[in-house]
Amino acid sequence: LEGLLRPSDVLIAFSASGNSPNIISAVRLANQVGATVVGF
């Protein structure tokens, strides 16, 4: 997502536990960029 994700984009993240490090890392990047995050 680095350099690709824009504030106008959406990130949908699936994680049963909600704590998968690679999911959280991507979500934090999306938060920094200003993209909308939908969590499942």
PDB file of all heavy atoms in Angstrom:
ATOM      1  N   LEU A   1       0.802  -1.225   0.000  1.00  0.00           N
ATOM      2  CA  LEU A   1       0.000   0.000   0.000  1.00  0.00           C
ATOM      3  C   LEU A   1       0.835   1.275   0.000  1.00  0.00           C
ATOM      4  O   LEU A   1       0.352   2.330  -0.419  1.00  0.00           O
ATOM      5  CB  LEU A   1      -0.929   0.011   1.219  1.00  0.00           C
ATOM      6  CG  LEU A   1      -2.029  -1.045   1.226  1.00  0.00           C
ATOM      7  CD1 LEU A   1      -2.714  -1.086   2.591  1.00  0.00           C
ATOM      8  CD2 LEU A   1      -3.030  -0.793   0.118  1.00  0.00           C
ATOM      9  N   GLU A   2       2.085   1.188   0.467  1.00  0.00           N
ATOM     10  CA  GLU A   2       2.941   2.369   0.541  1.00  0.00           C
ATOM     11  C   GLU A   2       3.096   3.026  -0.820  1.00  0.00           C
ATOM     12  O   GLU A   2       3.424   2.376  -1.808  1.00  0.00           O
ATOM     13  CB  GLU A   2       4.321   1.992   1.086  1.00  0.00           C
ATOM     14  CG  GLU A   2       4.327   1.762   2.567  1.00  0.00           C
ATOM     15  CD  GLU A   2       5.691   1.344   3.083  1.00  0.00           C
ATOM     16  OE1 GLU A   2       6.693   1.421   2.349  1.00  0.00           O
ATOM     17  OE2 GLU A   2       5.749   0.908   4.251  1.00  0.00           O
ATOM     18  N   GLY A   3       2.847   4.322  -0.861  1.00  0.00           N
ATOM     19  CA  GLY A   3       2.978   5.074  -2.099  1.00  0.00           C
ATOM     20  C   GLY A   3       1.833   4.854  -3.076  1.00  0.00           C
ATOM     21  O   GLY A   3       1.775   5.498  -4.112  1.00  0.00           O
ATOM     22  N   LEU A   4       0.937   3.947  -2.761  1.00  0.00           N
ATOM     23  CA  LEU A   4      -0.189   3.624  -3.642  1.00  0.00           C
ATOM     24  C   LEU A   4      -1.510   4.100  -3.050  1.00  0.00           C
ATOM     25  O   LEU A   4      -2.364   4.641  -3.754  1.00  0.00           O
ATOM     26  CB  LEU A   4      -0.236   2.104  -3.872  1.00  0.00           C
ATOM     27  CG  LEU A   4      -1.348   1.538  -4.732  1.00  0.00           C
ATOM     28  CD1 LEU A   4      -1.197   2.017  -6.175  1.00  0.00           C
ATOM     29  CD2 LEU A   4      -1.319   0.014  -4.679  1.00  0.00           C
ATOM     30  N   LEU A   5      -1.676   3.923  -1.748  1.00  0.00           N
ATOM     31  CA  LEU A   5      -2.926   4.249  -1.070  1.00  0.00           C
ATOM     32  C   LEU A   5      -3.120   5.758  -0.995  1.00  0.00           C
ATOM     33  O   LEU A   5      -2.222   6.493  -0.601  1.00  0.00           O
ATOM     34  CB  LEU A   5      -2.909   3.644   0.344  1.00  0.00           C
ATOM     35  CG  LEU A   5      -4.226   3.651   1.107  1.00  0.00           C
ATOM     36  CD1 LEU A   5      -5.249   2.738   0.430  1.00  0.00           C
ATOM     37  CD2 LEU A   5      -3.993   3.186   2.541  1.00  0.00           C
ATOM     38  N   ARG A   6      -4.308   6.194  -1.394  1.00  0.00           N
ATOM     39  CA  ARG A   6      -4.657   7.624  -1.375  1.00  0.00           C
ATOM     40  C   ARG A   6      -5.736   7.882  -0.328  1.00  0.00           C
ATOM     41  O   ARG A   6      -6.477   6.965   0.045  1.00  0.00           O
ATOM     42  CB  ARG A   6      -5.182   8.046  -2.749  1.00  0.00           C
ATOM     43  CG  ARG A   6      -4.204   7.815  -3.883  1.00  0.00           C
ATOM     44  CD  ARG A   6      -4.815   8.195  -5.212  1.00  0.00           C
ATOM     45  NE  ARG A   6      -6.021   7.410  -5.467  1.00  0.00           N
ATOM     46  CZ  ARG A   6      -6.383   6.960  -6.655  1.00  0.00           C
ATOM     47  NH1 ARG A   6      -5.649   7.214  -7.722  1.00  0.00           N
ATOM     48  NH2 ARG A   6      -7.492   6.264  -6.804  1.00  0.00           N
ATOM     49  N   PRO A   7      -5.879   9.112   0.099  1.00  0.00           N
ATOM     50  CA  PRO A   7      -6.926   9.435   1.078  1.00  0.00           C
ATOM     51  C   PRO A   7      -8.330   9.063   0.589  1.00  0.00           C
ATOM     52  O   PRO A   7      -9.208   8.773   1.387  1.00  0.00           O
ATOM     53  CB  PRO A   7      -6.803  10.949   1.272  1.00  0.00           C
ATOM     54  CG  PRO A   7      -5.390  11.255   0.917  1.00  0.00           C
ATOM     55  CD  PRO A   7      -5.021  10.268  -0.175  1.00  0.00           C
ATOM     56  N   SER A   8      -8.534   9.064  -0.701  1.00  0.00           N
ATOM     57  CA  SER A   8      -9.855   8.753  -1.253  1.00  0.00           C
ATOM     58  C   SER A   8     -10.144   7.251  -1.304  1.00  0.00           C
ATOM     59  O   SER A   8     -11.267   6.850  -1.611  1.00  0.00           O
ATOM     60  CB  SER A   8      -9.972   9.332  -2.666  1.00  0.00           C
ATOM     61  OG  SER A   8      -8.967   8.778  -3.504  1.00  0.00           O
ATOM     62  N   ASP A   9      -9.156   6.409  -1.004  1.00  0.00           N
ATOM     63  CA  ASP A   9      -9.311   4.962  -1.107  1.00  0.00           C
ATOM     64  C   ASP A   9      -9.929   4.356   0.148  1.00  0.00           C
ATOM     65  O   ASP A   9     -10.051   5.010   1.177  1.00  0.00           O
ATOM     66  CB  ASP A   9      -7.955   4.296  -1.377  1.00  0.00           C
ATOM     67  CG  ASP A   9      -7.386   4.646  -2.749  1.00  0.00           C
ATOM     68  OD1 ASP A   9      -8.172   4.953  -3.666  1.00  0.00           O
ATOM     69  OD2 ASP A   9      -6.151   4.616  -2.888  1.00  0.00           O
ATOM     70  N   VAL A  10     -10.284   3.086   0.025  1.00  0.00           N
ATOM     71  CA  VAL A  10     -10.878   2.326   1.123  1.00  0.00           C
ATOM     72  C   VAL A  10     -10.027   1.083   1.353  1.00  0.00           C
ATOM     73  O   VAL A  10      -9.603   0.426   0.408  1.00  0.00           O
ATOM     74  CB  VAL A  10     -12.327   1.904   0.785  1.00  0.00           C
ATOM     75  CG1 VAL A  10     -12.911   1.003   1.867  1.00  0.00           C
ATOM     76  CG2 VAL A  10     -13.211   3.126   0.555  1.00  0.00           C
ATOM     77  N   LEU A  11      -9.780   0.768   2.613  1.00  0.00           N
ATOM     78  CA  LEU A  11      -9.115  -0.468   2.989  1.00  0.00           C
ATOM     79  C   LEU A  11     -10.114  -1.300   3.786  1.00  0.00           C
ATOM     80  O   LEU A  11     -10.613  -0.845   4.816  1.00  0.00           O
ATOM     81  CB  LEU A  11      -7.866  -0.203   3.830  1.00  0.00           C
ATOM     82  CG  LEU A  11      -7.138  -1.460   4.329  1.00  0.00           C
ATOM     83  CD1 LEU A  11      -6.566  -2.277   3.171  1.00  0.00           C
ATOM     84  CD2 LEU A  11      -6.052  -1.082   5.322  1.00  0.00           C
ATOM     85  N   ILE A  12     -10.425  -2.495   3.288  1.00  0.00           N
ATOM     86  CA  ILE A  12     -11.275  -3.437   4.012  1.00  0.00           C
ATOM     87  C   ILE A  12     -10.358  -4.494   4.594  1.00  0.00           C
ATOM     88  O   ILE A  12      -9.603  -5.141   3.872  1.00  0.00           O
ATOM     89  CB  ILE A  12     -12.336  -4.075   3.089  1.00  0.00           C
ATOM     90  CG1 ILE A  12     -13.281  -2.994   2.549  1.00  0.00           C
ATOM     91  CG2 ILE A  12     -13.105  -5.163   3.842  1.00  0.00           C
ATOM     92  CD1 ILE A  12     -14.305  -3.509   1.552  1.00  0.00           C
ATOM     93  N   ALA A  13     -10.408  -4.644   5.914  1.00  0.00           N
ATOM     94  CA  ALA A  13      -9.506  -5.553   6.614  1.00  0.00           C
ATOM     95  C   ALA A  13     -10.304  -6.620   7.355  1.00  0.00           C
ATOM     96  O   ALA A  13     -11.163  -6.296   8.172  1.00  0.00           O
ATOM     97  CB  ALA A  13      -8.644  -4.766   7.604  1.00  0.00           C
ATOM     98  N   PHE A  14     -10.009  -7.881   7.046  1.00  0.00           N
ATOM     99  CA  PHE A  14     -10.624  -9.020   7.721  1.00  0.00           C
ATOM    100  C   PHE A  14      -9.633  -9.584   8.734  1.00  0.00           C
ATOM    101  O   PHE A  14      -8.505  -9.921   8.373  1.00  0.00           O
ATOM    102  CB  PHE A  14     -10.962 -10.135   6.721  1.00  0.00           C
ATOM    103  CG  PHE A  14     -12.121  -9.834   5.820  1.00  0.00           C
ATOM    104  CD1 PHE A  14     -11.919  -9.260   4.576  1.00  0.00           C
ATOM    105  CD2 PHE A  14     -13.412 -10.147   6.210  1.00  0.00           C
ATOM    106  CE1 PHE A  14     -12.986  -8.994   3.732  1.00  0.00           C
ATOM    107  CE2 PHE A  14     -14.482  -9.887   5.382  1.00  0.00           C
ATOM    108  CZ  PHE A  14     -14.280  -9.311   4.139  1.00  0.00           C
ATOM    109  N   SER A  15     -10.049  -9.712   9.987  1.00  0.00           N
ATOM    110  CA  SER A  15      -9.219 -10.340  11.010  1.00  0.00           C
ATOM    111  C   SER A  15     -10.112 -10.834  12.133  1.00  0.00           C
ATOM    112  O   SER A  15     -10.740 -10.016  12.823  1.00  0.00           O
ATOM    113  CB  SER A  15      -8.185  -9.352  11.560  1.00  0.00           C
ATOM    114  OG  SER A  15      -7.450  -9.951  12.614  1.00  0.00           O
ATOM    115  N   ALA A  16     -10.196 -12.137  12.297  1.00  0.00           N
ATOM    116  CA  ALA A  16     -11.046 -12.697  13.355  1.00  0.00           C
ATOM    117  C   ALA A  16     -10.634 -12.147  14.717  1.00  0.00           C
ATOM    118  O   ALA A  16     -11.476 -11.711  15.500  1.00  0.00           O
ATOM    119  CB  ALA A  16     -10.991 -14.223  13.343  1.00  0.00           C
ATOM    120  N   SER A  17      -9.334 -12.135  14.995  1.00  0.00           N
ATOM    121  CA  SER A  17      -8.864 -11.651  16.293  1.00  0.00           C
ATOM    122  C   SER A  17      -8.821 -10.130  16.358  1.00  0.00           C
ATOM    123  O   SER A  17      -8.885  -9.551  17.431  1.00  0.00           O
ATOM    124  CB  SER A  17      -7.457 -12.184  16.586  1.00  0.00           C
ATOM    125  OG  SER A  17      -6.498 -11.545  15.755  1.00  0.00           O
ATOM    126  N   GLY A  18      -8.660  -9.488  15.208  1.00  0.00           N
ATOM    127  CA  GLY A  18      -8.488  -8.046  15.177  1.00  0.00           C
ATOM    128  C   GLY A  18      -7.104  -7.600  15.605  1.00  0.00           C
ATOM    129  O   GLY A  18      -6.852  -6.412  15.760  1.00  0.00           O
ATOM    130  N   ASN A  19      -6.198  -8.560  15.764  1.00  0.00           N
ATOM    131  CA  ASN A  19      -4.862  -8.235  16.260  1.00  0.00           C
ATOM    132  C   ASN A  19      -3.726  -8.737  15.372  1.00  0.00           C
ATOM    133  O   ASN A  19      -2.578  -8.695  15.791  1.00  0.00           O
ATOM    134  CB  ASN A  19      -4.684  -8.808  17.677  1.00  0.00           C
ATOM    135  CG  ASN A  19      -5.529  -8.073  18.687  1.00  0.00           C
ATOM    136  OD1 ASN A  19      -5.595  -6.850  18.692  1.00  0.00           O
ATOM    137  ND2 ASN A  19      -6.210  -8.828  19.534  1.00  0.00           N
ATOM    138  N   SER A  20      -4.007  -9.205  14.186  1.00  0.00           N
ATOM    139  CA  SER A  20      -2.946  -9.696  13.305  1.00  0.00           C
ATOM    140  C   SER A  20      -1.987  -8.556  12.987  1.00  0.00           C
ATOM    141  O   SER A  20      -2.409  -7.508  12.469  1.00  0.00           O
ATOM    142  CB  SER A  20      -3.537 -10.243  12.004  1.00  0.00           C
ATOM    143  OG  SER A  20      -4.424 -11.302  12.280  1.00  0.00           O
ATOM    144  N   PRO A  21      -0.702  -8.726  13.290  1.00  0.00           N
ATOM    145  CA  PRO A  21       0.248  -7.621  13.100  1.00  0.00           C
ATOM    146  C   PRO A  21       0.286  -7.061  11.681  1.00  0.00           C
ATOM    147  O   PRO A  21       0.395  -5.837  11.510  1.00  0.00           O
ATOM    148  CB  PRO A  21       1.603  -8.236  13.489  1.00  0.00           C
ATOM    149  CG  PRO A  21       1.244  -9.318  14.459  1.00  0.00           C
ATOM    150  CD  PRO A  21      -0.065  -9.873  13.942  1.00  0.00           C
ATOM    151  N   ASN A  22       0.178  -7.917  10.666  1.00  0.00           N
ATOM    152  CA  ASN A  22       0.232  -7.391   9.296  1.00  0.00           C
ATOM    153  C   ASN A  22      -1.031  -6.615   8.928  1.00  0.00           C
ATOM    154  O   ASN A  22      -0.980  -5.674   8.145  1.00  0.00           O
ATOM    155  CB  ASN A  22       0.534  -8.494   8.282  1.00  0.00           C
ATOM    156  CG  ASN A  22      -0.492  -9.597   8.248  1.00  0.00           C
ATOM    157  OD1 ASN A  22      -1.432  -9.633   9.043  1.00  0.00           O
ATOM    158  ND2 ASN A  22      -0.309 -10.529   7.339  1.00  0.00           N
ATOM    159  N   ILE A  23      -2.159  -6.992   9.508  1.00  0.00           N
ATOM    160  CA  ILE A  23      -3.402  -6.252   9.285  1.00  0.00           C
ATOM    161  C   ILE A  23      -3.310  -4.894   9.989  1.00  0.00           C
ATOM    162  O   ILE A  23      -3.609  -3.849   9.401  1.00  0.00           O
ATOM    163  CB  ILE A  23      -4.616  -7.055   9.812  1.00  0.00           C
ATOM    164  CG1 ILE A  23      -4.752  -8.410   9.098  1.00  0.00           C
ATOM    165  CG2 ILE A  23      -5.896  -6.226   9.713  1.00  0.00           C
ATOM    166  CD1 ILE A  23      -5.077  -8.354   7.632  1.00  0.00           C
ATOM    167  N   ILE A  24      -2.888  -4.908  11.237  1.00  0.00           N
ATOM    168  CA  ILE A  24      -2.785  -3.665  12.015  1.00  0.00           C
ATOM    169  C   ILE A  24      -1.782  -2.705  11.372  1.00  0.00           C
ATOM    170  O   ILE A  24      -2.021  -1.493  11.296  1.00  0.00           O
ATOM    171  CB  ILE A  24      -2.417  -3.965  13.482  1.00  0.00           C
ATOM    172  CG1 ILE A  24      -3.516  -4.807  14.148  1.00  0.00           C
ATOM    173  CG2 ILE A  24      -2.151  -2.677  14.254  1.00  0.00           C
ATOM    174  CD1 ILE A  24      -4.913  -4.205  14.092  1.00  0.00           C
ATOM    175  N   SER A  25      -0.681  -3.221  10.853  1.00  0.00           N
ATOM    176  CA  SER A  25       0.314  -2.381  10.184  1.00  0.00           C
ATOM    177  C   SER A  25      -0.301  -1.676   8.971  1.00  0.00           C
ATOM    178  O   SER A  25      -0.105  -0.467   8.771  1.00  0.00           O
ATOM    179  CB  SER A  25       1.512  -3.236   9.766  1.00  0.00           C
ATOM    180  OG  SER A  25       2.468  -2.467   9.091  1.00  0.00           O
ATOM    181  N   ALA A  26      -1.055  -2.402   8.174  1.00  0.00           N
ATOM    182  CA  ALA A  26      -1.702  -1.815   6.992  1.00  0.00           C
ATOM    183  C   ALA A  26      -2.780  -0.814   7.397  1.00  0.00           C
ATOM    184  O   ALA A  26      -2.924   0.246   6.776  1.00  0.00           O
ATOM    185  CB  ALA A  26      -2.292  -2.919   6.118  1.00  0.00           C
ATOM    186  N   VAL A  27      -3.534  -1.133   8.434  1.00  0.00           N
ATOM    187  CA  VAL A  27      -4.589  -0.235   8.909  1.00  0.00           C
ATOM    188  C   VAL A  27      -3.983   1.059   9.442  1.00  0.00           C
ATOM    189  O   VAL A  27      -4.493   2.152   9.166  1.00  0.00           O
ATOM    190  CB  VAL A  27      -5.465  -0.939   9.970  1.00  0.00           C
ATOM    191  CG1 VAL A  27      -6.352   0.051  10.711  1.00  0.00           C
ATOM    192  CG2 VAL A  27      -6.308  -2.033   9.311  1.00  0.00           C
ATOM    193  N   ARG A  28      -2.893   0.947  10.162  1.00  0.00           N
ATOM    194  CA  ARG A  28      -2.238   2.167  10.665  1.00  0.00           C
ATOM    195  C   ARG A  28      -1.741   3.042   9.505  1.00  0.00           C
ATOM    196  O   ARG A  28      -1.843   4.269   9.564  1.00  0.00           O
ATOM    197  CB  ARG A  28      -1.099   1.798  11.606  1.00  0.00           C
ATOM    198  CG  ARG A  28      -1.614   1.364  12.967  1.00  0.00           C
ATOM    199  CD  ARG A  28      -0.497   1.255  13.985  1.00  0.00           C
ATOM    200  NE  ARG A  28      -1.063   1.186  15.322  1.00  0.00           N
ATOM    201  CZ  ARG A  28      -0.736   0.280  16.223  1.00  0.00           C
ATOM    202  NH1 ARG A  28       0.180  -0.632  15.943  1.00  0.00           N
ATOM    203  NH2 ARG A  28      -1.292   0.286  17.402  1.00  0.00           N
ATOM    204  N   LEU A  29      -1.221   2.415   8.468  1.00  0.00           N
ATOM    205  CA  LEU A  29      -0.806   3.173   7.284  1.00  0.00           C
ATOM    206  C   LEU A  29      -2.016   3.870   6.662  1.00  0.00           C
ATOM    207  O   LEU A  29      -1.951   5.054   6.323  1.00  0.00           O
ATOM    208  CB  LEU A  29      -0.125   2.263   6.261  1.00  0.00           C
ATOM    209  CG  LEU A  29       0.221   2.923   4.934  1.00  0.00           C
ATOM    210  CD1 LEU A  29       1.339   3.955   5.110  1.00  0.00           C
ATOM    211  CD2 LEU A  29       0.617   1.890   3.903  1.00  0.00           C
ATOM    212  N   ALA A  30      -3.115   3.148   6.537  1.00  0.00           N
ATOM    213  CA  ALA A  30      -4.336   3.732   5.965  1.00  0.00           C
ATOM    214  C   ALA A  30      -4.820   4.896   6.820  1.00  0.00           C
ATOM    215  O   ALA A  30      -5.242   5.933   6.289  1.00  0.00           O
ATOM    216  CB  ALA A  30      -5.424   2.672   5.838  1.00  0.00           C
ATOM    217  N   ASN A  31      -4.761   4.751   8.132  1.00  0.00           N
ATOM    218  CA  ASN A  31      -5.138   5.846   9.042  1.00  0.00           C
ATOM    219  C   ASN A  31      -4.251   7.067   8.814  1.00  0.00           C
ATOM    220  O   ASN A  31      -4.748   8.199   8.789  1.00  0.00           O
ATOM    221  CB  ASN A  31      -5.046   5.405  10.502  1.00  0.00           C
ATOM    222  CG  ASN A  31      -6.106   4.407  10.936  1.00  0.00           C
ATOM    223  OD1 ASN A  31      -5.918   3.686  11.908  1.00  0.00           O
ATOM    224  ND2 ASN A  31      -7.225   4.340  10.236  1.00  0.00           N
ATOM    225  N   GLN A  32      -2.940   6.846   8.652  1.00  0.00           N
ATOM    226  CA  GLN A  32      -2.001   7.953   8.434  1.00  0.00           C
ATOM    227  C   GLN A  32      -2.285   8.670   7.118  1.00  0.00           C
ATOM    228  O   GLN A  32      -2.213   9.896   7.039  1.00  0.00           O
ATOM    229  CB  GLN A  32      -0.564   7.450   8.439  1.00  0.00           C
ATOM    230  CG  GLN A  32      -0.069   7.015   9.788  1.00  0.00           C
ATOM    231  CD  GLN A  32       1.277   6.290   9.710  1.00  0.00           C
ATOM    232  OE1 GLN A  32       1.818   6.070   8.634  1.00  0.00           O
ATOM    233  NE2 GLN A  32       1.797   5.916  10.875  1.00  0.00           N
ATOM    234  N   VAL A  33      -2.618   7.883   6.086  1.00  0.00           N
ATOM    235  CA  VAL A  33      -2.894   8.449   4.767  1.00  0.00           C
ATOM    236  C   VAL A  33      -4.240   9.167   4.748  1.00  0.00           C
ATOM    237  O   VAL A  33      -4.445  10.096   3.979  1.00  0.00           O
ATOM    238  CB  VAL A  33      -2.847   7.322   3.694  1.00  0.00           C
ATOM    239  CG1 VAL A  33      -3.405   7.765   2.361  1.00  0.00           C
ATOM    240  CG2 VAL A  33      -1.429   6.797   3.538  1.00  0.00           C
ATOM    241  N   GLY A  34      -5.165   8.714   5.588  1.00  0.00           N
ATOM    242  CA  GLY A  34      -6.503   9.294   5.608  1.00  0.00           C
ATOM    243  C   GLY A  34      -7.516   8.494   4.810  1.00  0.00           C
ATOM    244  O   GLY A  34      -8.620   8.972   4.536  1.00  0.00           O
ATOM    245  N   ALA A  35      -7.150   7.268   4.425  1.00  0.00           N
ATOM    246  CA  ALA A  35      -8.083   6.391   3.727  1.00  0.00           C
ATOM    247  C   ALA A  35      -9.125   5.865   4.717  1.00  0.00           C
ATOM    248  O   ALA A  35      -8.872   5.822   5.933  1.00  0.00           O
ATOM    249  CB  ALA A  35      -7.338   5.220   3.081  1.00  0.00           C
ATOM    250  N   THR A  36     -10.270   5.479   4.225  1.00  0.00           N
ATOM    251  CA  THR A  36     -11.326   4.914   5.072  1.00  0.00           C
ATOM    252  C   THR A  36     -11.035   3.445   5.329  1.00  0.00           C
ATOM    253  O   THR A  36     -10.738   2.697   4.397  1.00  0.00           O
ATOM    254  CB  THR A  36     -12.696   5.060   4.393  1.00  0.00           C
ATOM    255  OG1 THR A  36     -12.945   6.451   4.153  1.00  0.00           O
ATOM    256  CG2 THR A  36     -13.813   4.485   5.259  1.00  0.00           C
ATOM    257  N   VAL A  37     -11.139   3.031   6.583  1.00  0.00           N
ATOM    258  CA  VAL A  37     -10.889   1.636   6.963  1.00  0.00           C
ATOM    259  C   VAL A  37     -12.199   0.994   7.413  1.00  0.00           C
ATOM    260  O   VAL A  37     -12.881   1.509   8.298  1.00  0.00           O
ATOM    261  CB  VAL A  37      -9.852   1.532   8.101  1.00  0.00           C
ATOM    262  CG1 VAL A  37      -9.684   0.082   8.552  1.00  0.00           C
ATOM    263  CG2 VAL A  37      -8.514   2.120   7.653  1.00  0.00           C
ATOM    264  N   VAL A  38     -12.529  -0.131   6.773  1.00  0.00           N
ATOM    265  CA  VAL A  38     -13.659  -0.952   7.186  1.00  0.00           C
ATOM    266  C   VAL A  38     -13.081  -2.219   7.782  1.00  0.00           C
ATOM    267  O   VAL A  38     -12.343  -2.943   7.117  1.00  0.00           O
ATOM    268  CB  VAL A  38     -14.583  -1.301   5.993  1.00  0.00           C
ATOM    269  CG1 VAL A  38     -15.738  -2.195   6.455  1.00  0.00           C
ATOM    270  CG2 VAL A  38     -15.112  -0.030   5.329  1.00  0.00           C
ATOM    271  N   GLY A  39     -13.386  -2.481   9.046  1.00  0.00           N
ATOM    272  CA  GLY A  39     -12.859  -3.650   9.731  1.00  0.00           C
ATOM    273  C   GLY A  39     -13.918  -4.721   9.913  1.00  0.00           C
ATOM    274  O   GLY A  39     -15.038  -4.429  10.317  1.00  0.00           O
ATOM    275  N   PHE A  40     -13.560  -5.942   9.586  1.00  0.00           N
ATOM    276  CA  PHE A  40     -14.403  -7.117   9.827  1.00  0.00           C
ATOM    277  C   PHE A  40     -13.697  -7.925  10.904  1.00  0.00           C
ATOM    278  O   PHE A  40     -12.598  -8.429  10.680  1.00  0.00           O
ATOM    279  CB  PHE A  40     -14.520  -7.974   8.559  1.00  0.00           C
ATOM    280  CG  PHE A  40     -15.440  -7.436   7.509  1.00  0.00           C
ATOM    281  CD1 PHE A  40     -15.144  -6.284   6.805  1.00  0.00           C
ATOM    282  CD2 PHE A  40     -16.612  -8.116   7.202  1.00  0.00           C
ATOM    283  CE1 PHE A  40     -15.984  -5.800   5.823  1.00  0.00           C
ATOM    284  CE2 PHE A  40     -17.459  -7.640   6.216  1.00  0.00           C
ATOM    285  CZ  PHE A  40     -17.157  -6.479   5.525  1.00  0.00           C
TER     286      PHE A  40
END
